[in-house]
Amino acid sequence: MEATPTHRVLVVAWTFDCQARFYELRQSGGVAFIRRIVQNEDALEISETHRWRVGQAWESWAALLITGQAR
């Protein structure tokens, strides 16, 4: 999904931003989502997952980081 504006978002976990591609786990109003940022030479490419309940988002975050099984 393309990034959508969300007010009052808290970044609760993230990967290192020194790589060309990095991720953030963001939470807002009882839901959470993962944002992927790709740093191109010209601009940033930002995409996001849909919103999950916080527990589901943490499970997907763990799958992404630990097992590489997130899709």
Protein backbone atom coordinates (compact mmCIF):
# COMPACT_ATOMS: atom_id res chain seq x y z
CA MET A 1 0.00 0.00 0.00
CA GLU A 2 1.07 3.57 -0.44
CA ALA A 3 1.74 5.57 2.70
CA THR A 4 -1.31 7.28 4.13
CA PRO A 5 -1.24 10.24 6.50
CA THR A 6 -1.89 9.26 10.10
CA HIS A 7 -1.93 11.66 13.00
CA ARG A 8 -0.12 10.97 16.27
CA VAL A 9 1.93 7.97 15.18
CA LEU A 10 4.50 6.43 17.50
CA VAL A 11 7.45 4.54 16.01
CA VAL A 12 7.85 1.64 18.45
CA ALA A 13 10.54 -0.41 16.65
CA TRP A 14 12.80 0.03 13.64
CA THR A 15 15.68 -1.45 11.71
CA PHE A 16 18.91 0.42 10.97
CA ASP A 17 18.41 3.28 8.55
CA CYS A 18 21.97 3.04 7.23
CA GLN A 19 20.77 0.45 4.70
CA ALA A 20 19.07 1.30 1.42
CA ARG A 21 15.90 -0.40 2.73
CA PHE A 22 14.68 -0.20 6.31
CA TYR A 23 11.48 -0.80 8.26
CA GLU A 24 9.53 0.83 11.08
CA LEU A 25 6.79 -0.62 13.26
CA ARG A 26 4.34 2.23 13.89
CA GLN A 27 1.41 2.41 16.28
CA SER A 28 -1.55 4.79 16.38
CA GLY A 29 -4.89 4.61 18.17
CA GLY A 30 -4.86 0.91 19.04
CA VAL A 31 -3.70 -0.27 15.62
CA ALA A 32 -0.23 -0.76 14.19
CA PHE A 33 1.42 -1.14 10.80
CA ILE A 34 4.83 -1.70 9.23
CA ARG A 35 6.34 1.00 7.05
CA ARG A 36 9.04 0.16 4.49
CA ILE A 37 11.35 2.95 3.36
CA VAL A 38 13.61 2.52 0.35
CA GLN A 39 16.26 5.20 -0.09
CA ASN A 40 16.83 5.88 -3.78
CA GLU A 41 19.31 8.38 -5.13
CA ASP A 42 16.52 10.82 -5.98
CA ALA A 43 13.90 10.29 -3.28
CA LEU A 44 12.43 8.01 -0.64
CA GLU A 45 9.96 5.29 -1.63
CA ILE A 46 7.56 4.67 1.25
CA SER A 47 4.99 1.90 1.50
CA GLU A 48 2.95 0.51 4.38
CA THR A 49 1.01 -2.58 5.36
CA HIS A 50 -2.64 -2.37 6.26
CA ARG A 51 -3.51 -1.65 9.89
CA TRP A 52 -3.62 -4.57 12.33
CA ARG A 53 -4.43 -4.94 15.97
CA VAL A 54 -1.21 -4.27 17.88
CA GLY A 55 -0.61 -7.94 18.77
CA GLN A 56 -0.93 -9.03 15.14
CA ALA A 57 1.45 -6.29 14.02
CA TRP A 58 4.08 -7.43 16.52
CA GLU A 59 3.74 -11.00 15.23
CA SER A 60 4.29 -9.82 11.65
CA TRP A 61 7.22 -7.66 12.78
CA ALA A 62 8.85 -10.68 14.44
CA ALA A 63 8.27 -12.77 11.32
CA LEU A 64 9.85 -10.07 9.18
CA LEU A 65 12.95 -9.71 11.34
CA ILE A 66 13.57 -13.13 12.82
CA THR A 67 12.32 -15.72 10.38
CA GLY A 68 12.00 -13.77 7.16
CA GLN A 69 8.51 -15.25 6.64
CA ALA A 70 6.52 -12.02 6.46
CA ARG A 71 4.63 -11.52 3.20
